[in-house]
């Protein structure tokens, strides 16, 4: 249960960072994507805490892909650009977001592995 709570916390933290950025100046297409990210993170965090059995496994895997995908999108925006958006490390909360999403990906990967190992063989 501890890993599930940690997983939910990093999801909420990631979504909170994106929502904070929307409230403090990120707009247009990127702002809309950040709002969707925040909503998706909240829904997945609730699912990780509430669901059981196969649905929990599915929610954990979806959360891992969501977190890793968000991290990949940031790295792409920092390097080659994404959707015409080129990000810089000096922009508000970019270094923090890199750390949170990297640690979040590791936490979610551990949670998925622990979940898959705890399931009885079918």
C-alpha atoms as a PDB file:
ATOM      1  CA  UNK A   1       0.000   0.000   0.000  1.00  0.00           C
ATOM      2  CA  UNK A   2       2.926   2.358   0.694  1.00  0.00           C
ATOM      3  CA  UNK A   3       4.094   2.254  -2.929  1.00  0.00           C
ATOM      4  CA  UNK A   4       0.552   2.899  -4.119  1.00  0.00           C
ATOM      5  CA  UNK A   5       0.308   5.988  -1.916  1.00  0.00           C
ATOM      6  CA  UNK A   6       3.711   7.207  -3.140  1.00  0.00           C
ATOM      7  CA  UNK A   7       2.586   6.610  -6.719  1.00  0.00           C
ATOM      8  CA  UNK A   8      -0.589   8.606  -6.172  1.00  0.00           C
ATOM      9  CA  UNK A   9       1.387  11.412  -4.529  1.00  0.00           C
ATOM     10  CA  UNK A  10       3.826  11.794  -7.419  1.00  0.00           C
ATOM     11  CA  UNK A  11       0.932  11.790  -9.876  1.00  0.00           C
ATOM     12  CA  UNK A  12      -0.824  14.557  -7.938  1.00  0.00           C
ATOM     13  CA  UNK A  13       2.434  16.477  -7.611  1.00  0.00           C
ATOM     14  CA  UNK A  14       3.092  16.273 -11.346  1.00  0.00           C
ATOM     15  CA  UNK A  15      -0.454  17.357 -12.147  1.00  0.00           C
ATOM     16  CA  UNK A  16      -0.214  20.144  -9.575  1.00  0.00           C
ATOM     17  CA  UNK A  17       2.928  21.525 -11.198  1.00  0.00           C
ATOM     18  CA  UNK A  18       1.201  21.638 -14.575  1.00  0.00           C
ATOM     19  CA  UNK A  19      -1.904  23.300 -13.125  1.00  0.00           C
ATOM     20  CA  UNK A  20       0.257  25.842 -11.280  1.00  0.00           C
ATOM     21  CA  UNK A  21       1.948  26.743 -14.560  1.00  0.00           C
ATOM     22  CA  UNK A  22      -1.448  27.315 -16.205  1.00  0.00           C
ATOM     23  CA  UNK A  23      -2.493  29.688 -13.414  1.00  0.00           C
ATOM     24  CA  UNK A  24       0.791  31.557 -13.696  1.00  0.00           C
ATOM     25  CA  UNK A  25       0.994  32.327 -17.385  1.00  0.00           C
ATOM     26  CA  UNK A  26       1.161  29.250 -19.610  1.00  0.00           C
ATOM     27  CA  UNK A  27      -1.671  29.550 -22.099  1.00  0.00           C
ATOM     28  CA  UNK A  28      -2.828  28.658 -25.586  1.00  0.00           C
ATOM     29  CA  UNK A  29      -2.323  25.053 -26.706  1.00  0.00           C
ATOM     30  CA  UNK A  30       0.269  24.312 -24.045  1.00  0.00           C
ATOM     31  CA  UNK A  31      -2.022  25.604 -21.302  1.00  0.00           C
ATOM     32  CA  UNK A  32      -4.876  23.387 -22.504  1.00  0.00           C
ATOM     33  CA  UNK A  33      -2.544  20.366 -22.586  1.00  0.00           C
ATOM     34  CA  UNK A  34      -1.353  21.189 -19.064  1.00  0.00           C
ATOM     35  CA  UNK A  35      -4.945  21.283 -17.787  1.00  0.00           C
ATOM     36  CA  UNK A  36      -5.594  17.896 -19.392  1.00  0.00           C
ATOM     37  CA  UNK A  37      -2.401  16.610 -17.777  1.00  0.00           C
ATOM     38  CA  UNK A  38      -3.550  17.796 -14.347  1.00  0.00           C
ATOM     39  CA  UNK A  39      -6.985  16.201 -14.740  1.00  0.00           C
ATOM     40  CA  UNK A  40      -5.501  12.949 -16.022  1.00  0.00           C
ATOM     41  CA  UNK A  41      -3.005  12.823 -13.155  1.00  0.00           C
ATOM     42  CA  UNK A  42      -5.787  13.328 -10.601  1.00  0.00           C
ATOM     43  CA  UNK A  43      -7.988  10.635 -12.148  1.00  0.00           C
ATOM     44  CA  UNK A  44      -5.092   8.176 -12.238  1.00  0.00           C
ATOM     45  CA  UNK A  45      -4.063   8.990  -8.650  1.00  0.00           C
ATOM     46  CA  UNK A  46      -7.603   8.261  -7.442  1.00  0.00           C
ATOM     47  CA  UNK A  47      -7.675   5.051  -9.490  1.00  0.00           C
ATOM     48  CA  UNK A  48      -4.369   3.882  -7.996  1.00  0.00           C
ATOM     49  CA  UNK A  49      -5.754   4.366  -4.487  1.00  0.00           C
ATOM     50  CA  UNK A  50      -9.275   2.997  -5.021  1.00  0.00           C
ATOM     51  CA  UNK A  51      -9.136   0.173  -7.555  1.00  0.00           C
ATOM     52  CA  UNK A  52      -8.397  -3.469  -6.818  1.00  0.00           C
ATOM     53  CA  UNK A  53      -7.390  -6.617  -8.705  1.00  0.00           C
ATOM     54  CA  UNK A  54      -6.876  -6.364 -12.472  1.00  0.00           C
ATOM     55  CA  UNK A  55      -8.153  -2.804 -12.658  1.00  0.00           C
ATOM     56  CA  UNK A  56      -5.456  -1.732 -10.194  1.00  0.00           C
ATOM     57  CA  UNK A  57      -2.784  -3.324 -12.376  1.00  0.00           C
ATOM     58  CA  UNK A  58      -4.216  -1.546 -15.405  1.00  0.00           C
ATOM     59  CA  UNK A  59      -4.329   1.797 -13.552  1.00  0.00           C
ATOM     60  CA  UNK A  60      -0.722   1.403 -12.410  1.00  0.00           C
ATOM     61  CA  UNK A  61       0.500   0.585 -15.902  1.00  0.00           C
ATOM     62  CA  UNK A  62      -1.455   3.495 -17.368  1.00  0.00           C
ATOM     63  CA  UNK A  63       0.010   5.780 -14.690  1.00  0.00           C
ATOM     64  CA  UNK A  64       3.539   4.641 -15.497  1.00  0.00           C
ATOM     65  CA  UNK A  65       3.010   5.276 -19.206  1.00  0.00           C
ATOM     66  CA  UNK A  66       1.396   8.650 -18.436  1.00  0.00           C
ATOM     67  CA  UNK A  67       4.291   9.780 -16.239  1.00  0.00           C
ATOM     68  CA  UNK A  68       6.969   8.508 -18.618  1.00  0.00           C
ATOM     69  CA  UNK A  69       5.152  10.083 -21.565  1.00  0.00           C
ATOM     70  CA  UNK A  70       4.946  13.421 -19.794  1.00  0.00           C
ATOM     71  CA  UNK A  71       8.659  13.250 -18.996  1.00  0.00           C
ATOM     72  CA  UNK A  72       9.448  12.337 -22.597  1.00  0.00           C
ATOM     73  CA  UNK A  73       7.359  15.277 -23.842  1.00  0.00           C
ATOM     74  CA  UNK A  74       9.334  17.665 -21.623  1.00  0.00           C
ATOM     75  CA  UNK A  75      12.668  16.232 -22.759  1.00  0.00           C
ATOM     76  CA  UNK A  76      11.599  16.550 -26.396  1.00  0.00           C
ATOM     77  CA  UNK A  77      10.467  20.138 -25.819  1.00  0.00           C
ATOM     78  CA  UNK A  78      13.862  20.877 -24.259  1.00  0.00           C
ATOM     79  CA  UNK A  79      15.839  19.315 -27.097  1.00  0.00           C
ATOM     80  CA  UNK A  80      14.200  19.250 -30.526  1.00  0.00           C
ATOM     81  CA  UNK A  81      10.875  20.908 -29.769  1.00  0.00           C
ATOM     82  CA  UNK A  82       7.374  19.472 -29.528  1.00  0.00           C
ATOM     83  CA  UNK A  83       4.288  20.827 -31.326  1.00  0.00           C
ATOM     84  CA  UNK A  84       6.385  23.851 -32.244  1.00  0.00           C
ATOM     85  CA  UNK A  85       7.203  24.518 -28.588  1.00  0.00           C
ATOM     86  CA  UNK A  86      10.842  24.831 -27.567  1.00  0.00           C
ATOM     87  CA  UNK A  87      11.411  24.815 -23.818  1.00  0.00           C
ATOM     88  CA  UNK A  88      14.438  26.049 -21.870  1.00  0.00           C
ATOM     89  CA  UNK A  89      15.768  24.875 -18.511  1.00  0.00           C
ATOM     90  CA  UNK A  90      15.481  28.368 -17.088  1.00  0.00           C
ATOM     91  CA  UNK A  91      11.684  28.481 -17.490  1.00  0.00           C
ATOM     92  CA  UNK A  92       9.646  28.325 -14.293  1.00  0.00           C
ATOM     93  CA  UNK A  93       9.708  24.894 -12.600  1.00  0.00           C
ATOM     94  CA  UNK A  94      11.365  23.036 -15.505  1.00  0.00           C
ATOM     95  CA  UNK A  95      14.223  21.609 -13.387  1.00  0.00           C
ATOM     96  CA  UNK A  96      11.764  20.723 -10.611  1.00  0.00           C
ATOM     97  CA  UNK A  97       9.457  19.046 -13.108  1.00  0.00           C
ATOM     98  CA  UNK A  98      12.332  16.999 -14.540  1.00  0.00           C
ATOM     99  CA  UNK A  99      13.190  15.737 -11.062  1.00  0.00           C
ATOM    100  CA  UNK A 100       9.579  15.043 -10.031  1.00  0.00           C
ATOM    101  CA  UNK A 101       8.741  13.217 -13.254  1.00  0.00           C
ATOM    102  CA  UNK A 102      11.981  11.208 -13.210  1.00  0.00           C
ATOM    103  CA  UNK A 103      11.463  10.109  -9.617  1.00  0.00           C
ATOM    104  CA  UNK A 104       7.777   9.536 -10.346  1.00  0.00           C
ATOM    105  CA  UNK A 105       8.610   7.250 -13.249  1.00  0.00           C
ATOM    106  CA  UNK A 106      10.935   5.217 -11.021  1.00  0.00           C
ATOM    107  CA  UNK A 107       8.362   4.999  -8.211  1.00  0.00           C
ATOM    108  CA  UNK A 108       5.614   3.933 -10.608  1.00  0.00           C
ATOM    109  CA  UNK A 109       7.885   1.355 -12.270  1.00  0.00           C
ATOM    110  CA  UNK A 110       8.691  -0.162  -8.866  1.00  0.00           C
ATOM    111  CA  UNK A 111       4.994  -0.170  -7.951  1.00  0.00           C
ATOM    112  CA  UNK A 112       4.077  -1.939 -11.203  1.00  0.00           C
ATOM    113  CA  UNK A 113       6.779  -4.571 -10.706  1.00  0.00           C
ATOM    114  CA  UNK A 114       5.717  -5.187  -7.094  1.00  0.00           C
ATOM    115  CA  UNK A 115       2.100  -5.445  -8.186  1.00  0.00           C
ATOM    116  CA  UNK A 116       2.890  -7.924 -10.959  1.00  0.00           C
ATOM    117  CA  UNK A 117       5.032 -10.052  -8.632  1.00  0.00           C
ATOM    118  CA  UNK A 118       2.318 -10.183  -5.968  1.00  0.00           C
ATOM    119  CA  UNK A 119      -0.342 -11.517  -8.324  1.00  0.00           C
ATOM    120  CA  UNK A 120      -0.809 -15.278  -8.276  1.00  0.00           C
ATOM    121  CA  UNK A 121       0.072 -17.088 -11.493  1.00  0.00           C
ATOM    122  CA  UNK A 122      -2.975 -17.895 -13.617  1.00  0.00           C
END
